[in-house]
PDB file of N, CA and C in Angstrom:
ATOM      1  N   UNK A   1      56.178 170.050  53.590  1.00  0.00           N
ATOM      2  CA  UNK A   1      57.154 169.245  52.878  1.00  0.00           C
ATOM      3  C   UNK A   1      56.999 167.784  53.303  1.00  0.00           C
ATOM      4  N   UNK A   2      56.987 166.901  52.325  1.00  0.00           N
ATOM      5  CA  UNK A   2      56.863 165.474  52.617  1.00  0.00           C
ATOM      6  C   UNK A   2      58.189 164.905  53.101  1.00  0.00           C
ATOM      7  N   UNK A   3      58.089 163.947  54.016  1.00  0.00           N
ATOM      8  CA  UNK A   3      59.285 163.261  54.488  1.00  0.00           C
ATOM      9  C   UNK A   3      59.751 162.262  53.442  1.00  0.00           C
ATOM     10  N   UNK A   4      61.043 162.042  53.393  1.00  0.00           N
ATOM     11  CA  UNK A   4      61.592 161.046  52.484  1.00  0.00           C
ATOM     12  C   UNK A   4      61.231 159.663  53.022  1.00  0.00           C
ATOM     13  N   UNK A   5      60.764 158.758  52.154  1.00  0.00           N
ATOM     14  CA  UNK A   5      60.388 157.429  52.634  1.00  0.00           C
ATOM     15  C   UNK A   5      61.609 156.664  53.169  1.00  0.00           C
ATOM     16  N   UNK A   6      61.350 155.754  54.095  1.00  0.00           N
ATOM     17  CA  UNK A   6      62.438 154.960  54.675  1.00  0.00           C
ATOM     18  C   UNK A   6      62.759 153.746  53.815  1.00  0.00           C
ATOM     19  N   UNK A   7      61.987 153.528  52.747  1.00  0.00           N
ATOM     20  CA  UNK A   7      62.202 152.401  51.853  1.00  0.00           C
ATOM     21  C   UNK A   7      62.732 152.901  50.518  1.00  0.00           C
ATOM     22  N   UNK A   8      63.366 151.994  49.788  1.00  0.00           N
ATOM     23  CA  UNK A   8      63.858 152.313  48.451  1.00  0.00           C
ATOM     24  C   UNK A   8      63.526 151.140  47.542  1.00  0.00           C
ATOM     25  N   UNK A   9      62.885 151.429  46.420  1.00  0.00           N
ATOM     26  CA  UNK A   9      62.498 150.371  45.490  1.00  0.00           C
ATOM     27  C   UNK A   9      63.719 149.828  44.755  1.00  0.00           C
ATOM     28  N   UNK A  10      63.659 148.552  44.412  1.00  0.00           N
ATOM     29  CA  UNK A  10      64.697 147.941  43.588  1.00  0.00           C
ATOM     30  C   UNK A  10      64.687 148.601  42.213  1.00  0.00           C
ATOM     31  N   UNK A  11      65.820 148.573  41.543  1.00  0.00           N
ATOM     32  CA  UNK A  11      65.925 149.122  40.196  1.00  0.00           C
ATOM     33  C   UNK A  11      64.923 148.417  39.285  1.00  0.00           C
ATOM     34  N   UNK A  12      64.177 149.192  38.531  1.00  0.00           N
ATOM     35  CA  UNK A  12      63.210 148.644  37.594  1.00  0.00           C
ATOM     36  C   UNK A  12      61.814 148.455  38.154  1.00  0.00           C
ATOM     37  N   UNK A  13      61.652 148.551  39.480  1.00  0.00           N
ATOM     38  CA  UNK A  13      60.329 148.421  40.089  1.00  0.00           C
ATOM     39  C   UNK A  13      59.654 149.783  40.042  1.00  0.00           C
ATOM     40  N   UNK A  14      58.448 149.806  39.491  1.00  0.00           N
ATOM     41  CA  UNK A  14      57.721 151.057  39.373  1.00  0.00           C
ATOM     42  C   UNK A  14      56.383 150.930  40.091  1.00  0.00           C
ATOM     43  N   UNK A  15      56.152 151.796  41.056  1.00  0.00           N
ATOM     44  CA  UNK A  15      54.850 151.890  41.713  1.00  0.00           C
ATOM     45  C   UNK A  15      54.754 153.257  42.357  1.00  0.00           C
ATOM     46  N   UNK A  16      53.516 153.733  42.485  1.00  0.00           N
ATOM     47  CA  UNK A  16      53.332 155.058  43.066  1.00  0.00           C
ATOM     48  C   UNK A  16      53.642 155.013  44.563  1.00  0.00           C
ATOM     49  N   UNK A  17      53.891 156.170  45.129  1.00  0.00           N
ATOM     50  CA  UNK A  17      54.328 156.270  46.528  1.00  0.00           C
ATOM     51  C   UNK A  17      53.298 155.713  47.503  1.00  0.00           C
ATOM     52  N   UNK A  18      51.999 155.950  47.259  1.00  0.00           N
ATOM     53  CA  UNK A  18      50.971 155.442  48.170  1.00  0.00           C
ATOM     54  C   UNK A  18      50.957 153.917  48.192  1.00  0.00           C
ATOM     55  N   UNK A  19      51.047 153.317  47.006  1.00  0.00           N
ATOM     56  CA  UNK A  19      51.077 151.855  46.925  1.00  0.00           C
ATOM     57  C   UNK A  19      52.345 151.311  47.578  1.00  0.00           C
ATOM     58  N   UNK A  20      53.463 151.951  47.302  1.00  0.00           N
ATOM     59  CA  UNK A  20      54.726 151.502  47.899  1.00  0.00           C
ATOM     60  C   UNK A  20      54.672 151.591  49.424  1.00  0.00           C
ATOM     61  N   UNK A  21      54.033 152.628  49.956  1.00  0.00           N
ATOM     62  CA  UNK A  21      53.899 152.742  51.414  1.00  0.00           C
ATOM     63  C   UNK A  21      53.102 151.576  51.977  1.00  0.00           C
ATOM     64  N   UNK A  22      52.020 151.193  51.306  1.00  0.00           N
ATOM     65  CA  UNK A  22      51.203 150.074  51.774  1.00  0.00           C
ATOM     66  C   UNK A  22      51.967 148.755  51.662  1.00  0.00           C
ATOM     67  N   UNK A  23      52.680 148.560  50.562  1.00  0.00           N
ATOM     68  CA  UNK A  23      53.472 147.337  50.384  1.00  0.00           C
ATOM     69  C   UNK A  23      54.604 147.294  51.402  1.00  0.00           C
ATOM     70  N   UNK A  24      55.172 148.449  51.730  1.00  0.00           N
ATOM     71  CA  UNK A  24      56.237 148.508  52.744  1.00  0.00           C
ATOM     72  C   UNK A  24      55.714 148.055  54.099  1.00  0.00           C
ATOM     73  N   UNK A  25      54.464 148.368  54.411  1.00  0.00           N
ATOM     74  CA  UNK A  25      53.863 147.885  55.667  1.00  0.00           C
ATOM     75  C   UNK A  25      53.800 146.364  55.677  1.00  0.00           C
ATOM     76  N   UNK A  26      53.447 145.775  54.530  1.00  0.00           N
ATOM     77  CA  UNK A  26      53.409 144.312  54.421  1.00  0.00           C
ATOM     78  C   UNK A  26      54.814 143.745  54.588  1.00  0.00           C
ATOM     79  N   UNK A  27      55.798 144.410  53.993  1.00  0.00           N
ATOM     80  CA  UNK A  27      57.184 143.955  54.123  1.00  0.00           C
ATOM     81  C   UNK A  27      57.628 143.969  55.580  1.00  0.00           C
ATOM     82  N   UNK A  28      57.253 145.015  56.307  1.00  0.00           N
ATOM     83  CA  UNK A  28      57.600 145.094  57.731  1.00  0.00           C
ATOM     84  C   UNK A  28      56.927 143.972  58.510  1.00  0.00           C
ATOM     85  N   UNK A  29      55.696 143.663  58.153  1.00  0.00           N
ATOM     86  CA  UNK A  29      54.989 142.566  58.825  1.00  0.00           C
ATOM     87  C   UNK A  29      55.685 141.242  58.555  1.00  0.00           C
ATOM     88  N   UNK A  30      56.131 141.022  57.319  1.00  0.00           N
ATOM     89  CA  UNK A  30      56.861 139.793  57.012  1.00  0.00           C
ATOM     90  C   UNK A  30      58.167 139.711  57.794  1.00  0.00           C
ATOM     91  N   UNK A  31      58.854 140.825  57.921  1.00  0.00           N
ATOM     92  CA  UNK A  31      60.107 140.816  58.687  1.00  0.00           C
ATOM     93  C   UNK A  31      59.842 140.496  60.151  1.00  0.00           C
ATOM     94  N   UNK A  32      58.762 141.054  60.705  1.00  0.00           N
ATOM     95  CA  UNK A  32      58.401 140.757  62.089  1.00  0.00           C
ATOM     96  C   UNK A  32      58.028 139.281  62.236  1.00  0.00           C
ATOM     97  N   UNK A  33      57.273 138.760  61.282  1.00  0.00           N
ATOM     98  CA  UNK A  33      56.903 137.341  61.305  1.00  0.00           C
ATOM     99  C   UNK A  33      58.143 136.468  61.187  1.00  0.00           C
ATOM    100  N   UNK A  34      59.093 136.898  60.379  1.00  0.00           N
ATOM    101  CA  UNK A  34      60.345 136.154  60.224  1.00  0.00           C
ATOM    102  C   UNK A  34      61.108 136.090  61.542  1.00  0.00           C
ATOM    103  N   UNK A  35      61.200 137.224  62.239  1.00  0.00           N
ATOM    104  CA  UNK A  35      61.891 137.256  63.534  1.00  0.00           C
ATOM    105  C   UNK A  35      61.179 136.363  64.542  1.00  0.00           C
ATOM    106  N   UNK A  36      59.853 136.442  64.570  1.00  0.00           N
ATOM    107  CA  UNK A  36      59.061 135.598  65.481  1.00  0.00           C
ATOM    108  C   UNK A  36      59.272 134.127  65.159  1.00  0.00           C
ATOM    109  N   UNK A  37      59.231 133.791  63.877  1.00  0.00           N
ATOM    110  CA  UNK A  37      59.416 132.396  63.462  1.00  0.00           C
ATOM    111  C   UNK A  37      60.787 131.885  63.866  1.00  0.00           C
ATOM    112  N   UNK A  38      61.811 132.729  63.719  1.00  0.00           N
ATOM    113  CA  UNK A  38      63.165 132.327  64.110  1.00  0.00           C
ATOM    114  C   UNK A  38      63.220 132.016  65.602  1.00  0.00           C
ATOM    115  N   UNK A  39      62.547 132.828  66.413  1.00  0.00           N
ATOM    116  CA  UNK A  39      62.518 132.573  67.854  1.00  0.00           C
ATOM    117  C   UNK A  39      61.788 131.269  68.169  1.00  0.00           C
ATOM    118  N   UNK A  40      60.664 131.042  67.502  1.00  0.00           N
ATOM    119  CA  UNK A  40      59.878 129.830  67.731  1.00  0.00           C
ATOM    120  C   UNK A  40      60.680 128.602  67.318  1.00  0.00           C
ATOM    121  N   UNK A  41      61.388 128.698  66.205  1.00  0.00           N
ATOM    122  CA  UNK A  41      62.173 127.558  65.726  1.00  0.00           C
ATOM    123  C   UNK A  41      63.267 127.186  66.722  1.00  0.00           C
ATOM    124  N   UNK A  42      63.799 128.187  67.395  1.00  0.00           N
ATOM    125  CA  UNK A  42      64.829 127.920  68.395  1.00  0.00           C
ATOM    126  C   UNK A  42      64.259 127.251  69.644  1.00  0.00           C
ATOM    127  N   UNK A  43      62.967 127.452  69.919  1.00  0.00           N
ATOM    128  CA  UNK A  43      62.383 126.987  71.164  1.00  0.00           C
ATOM    129  C   UNK A  43      61.605 125.684  71.047  1.00  0.00           C
ATOM    130  N   UNK A  44      61.106 125.362  69.878  1.00  0.00           N
ATOM    131  CA  UNK A  44      60.281 124.162  69.756  1.00  0.00           C
ATOM    132  C   UNK A  44      60.225 123.695  68.310  1.00  0.00           C
ATOM    133  N   UNK A  45      59.725 122.489  68.137  1.00  0.00           N
ATOM    134  CA  UNK A  45      59.519 121.985  66.784  1.00  0.00           C
ATOM    135  C   UNK A  45      58.409 122.798  66.135  1.00  0.00           C
ATOM    136  N   UNK A  46      58.617 123.190  64.906  1.00  0.00           N
ATOM    137  CA  UNK A  46      57.567 123.930  64.206  1.00  0.00           C
ATOM    138  C   UNK A  46      57.480 123.445  62.772  1.00  0.00           C
ATOM    139  N   UNK A  47      56.492 123.901  62.123  1.00  0.00           N
ATOM    140  CA  UNK A  47      56.163 123.455  60.791  1.00  0.00           C
ATOM    141  C   UNK A  47      57.152 123.965  59.744  1.00  0.00           C
ATOM    142  N   UNK A  48      57.621 123.061  58.911  1.00  0.00           N
ATOM    143  CA  UNK A  48      58.454 123.470  57.774  1.00  0.00           C
ATOM    144  C   UNK A  48      57.633 124.336  56.827  1.00  0.00           C
ATOM    145  N   UNK A  49      56.327 124.064  56.759  1.00  0.00           N
ATOM    146  CA  UNK A  49      55.445 124.841  55.894  1.00  0.00           C
ATOM    147  C   UNK A  49      55.442 126.316  56.313  1.00  0.00           C
ATOM    148  N   UNK A  50      55.387 126.593  57.618  1.00  0.00           N
ATOM    149  CA  UNK A  50      55.415 127.973  58.108  1.00  0.00           C
ATOM    150  C   UNK A  50      56.734 128.638  57.733  1.00  0.00           C
ATOM    151  N   UNK A  51      57.816 127.936  57.941  1.00  0.00           N
ATOM    152  CA  UNK A  51      59.131 128.497  57.623  1.00  0.00           C
ATOM    153  C   UNK A  51      59.231 128.802  56.129  1.00  0.00           C
ATOM    154  N   UNK A  52      58.742 127.897  55.278  1.00  0.00           N
ATOM    155  CA  UNK A  52      58.789 128.115  53.835  1.00  0.00           C
ATOM    156  C   UNK A  52      57.920 129.297  53.431  1.00  0.00           C
ATOM    157  N   UNK A  53      56.747 129.438  54.052  1.00  0.00           N
ATOM    158  CA  UNK A  53      55.846 130.537  53.737  1.00  0.00           C
ATOM    159  C   UNK A  53      56.489 131.878  54.096  1.00  0.00           C
ATOM    160  N   UNK A  54      57.096 131.947  55.271  1.00  0.00           N
ATOM    161  CA  UNK A  54      57.752 133.185  55.696  1.00  0.00           C
ATOM    162  C   UNK A  54      58.908 133.508  54.763  1.00  0.00           C
ATOM    163  N   UNK A  55      59.712 132.521  54.434  1.00  0.00           N
ATOM    164  CA  UNK A  55      60.857 132.745  53.554  1.00  0.00           C
ATOM    165  C   UNK A  55      60.400 133.203  52.171  1.00  0.00           C
ATOM    166  N   UNK A  56      59.342 132.616  51.673  1.00  0.00           N
ATOM    167  CA  UNK A  56      58.795 133.003  50.370  1.00  0.00           C
ATOM    168  C   UNK A  56      58.333 134.458  50.385  1.00  0.00           C
ATOM    169  N   UNK A  57      57.676 134.872  51.452  1.00  0.00           N
ATOM    170  CA  UNK A  57      57.236 136.262  51.580  1.00  0.00           C
ATOM    171  C   UNK A  57      58.398 137.228  51.639  1.00  0.00           C
ATOM    172  N   UNK A  58      59.435 136.860  52.387  1.00  0.00           N
ATOM    173  CA  UNK A  58      60.614 137.721  52.483  1.00  0.00           C
ATOM    174  C   UNK A  58      61.306 137.858  51.130  1.00  0.00           C
ATOM    175  N   UNK A  59      61.399 136.760  50.405  1.00  0.00           N
ATOM    176  CA  UNK A  59      62.031 136.806  49.085  1.00  0.00           C
ATOM    177  C   UNK A  59      61.226 137.685  48.127  1.00  0.00           C
ATOM    178  N   UNK A  60      59.908 137.599  48.210  1.00  0.00           N
ATOM    179  CA  UNK A  60      59.066 138.447  47.360  1.00  0.00           C
ATOM    180  C   UNK A  60      59.294 139.925  47.681  1.00  0.00           C
ATOM    181  N   UNK A  61      59.379 140.266  48.947  1.00  0.00           N
ATOM    182  CA  UNK A  61      59.609 141.652  49.333  1.00  0.00           C
ATOM    183  C   UNK A  61      60.992 142.123  48.886  1.00  0.00           C
ATOM    184  N   UNK A  62      61.975 141.224  48.895  1.00  0.00           N
ATOM    185  CA  UNK A  62      63.323 141.596  48.460  1.00  0.00           C
ATOM    186  C   UNK A  62      63.375 141.897  46.958  1.00  0.00           C
ATOM    187  N   UNK A  63      62.419 141.356  46.201  1.00  0.00           N
ATOM    188  CA  UNK A  63      62.347 141.662  44.775  1.00  0.00           C
ATOM    189  C   UNK A  63      61.802 143.067  44.554  1.00  0.00           C
ATOM    190  N   UNK A  64      61.100 143.593  45.527  1.00  0.00           N
ATOM    191  CA  UNK A  64      60.489 144.915  45.391  1.00  0.00           C
ATOM    192  C   UNK A  64      61.341 146.007  46.031  1.00  0.00           C
ATOM    193  N   UNK A  65      61.823 145.741  47.251  1.00  0.00           N
ATOM    194  CA  UNK A  65      62.560 146.762  48.006  1.00  0.00           C
ATOM    195  C   UNK A  65      64.020 146.396  48.166  1.00  0.00           C
ATOM    196  N   UNK A  66      64.874 147.409  48.221  1.00  0.00           N
ATOM    197  CA  UNK A  66      66.286 147.196  48.546  1.00  0.00           C
ATOM    198  C   UNK A  66      66.368 146.927  50.036  1.00  0.00           C
ATOM    199  N   UNK A  67      67.186 145.978  50.419  1.00  0.00           N
ATOM    200  CA  UNK A  67      67.319 145.616  51.824  1.00  0.00           C
ATOM    201  C   UNK A  67      68.608 146.190  52.370  1.00  0.00           C
TER     202      UNK A  67
END
């Protein structure tokens, strides 16, 4: 029996389970990068470009998965 995935797609998003699993890995990486970036921003000056890139990735993942 297959385990139920820990992710849930947004309404209207259609993709097969294998693809969704791979995209979910990318989403987890973006969340980890977001947490790391938040820590770095608290400790030193950092690039606005990095912050914008991370935020853009998180927003893209939020369009695919329910948070």
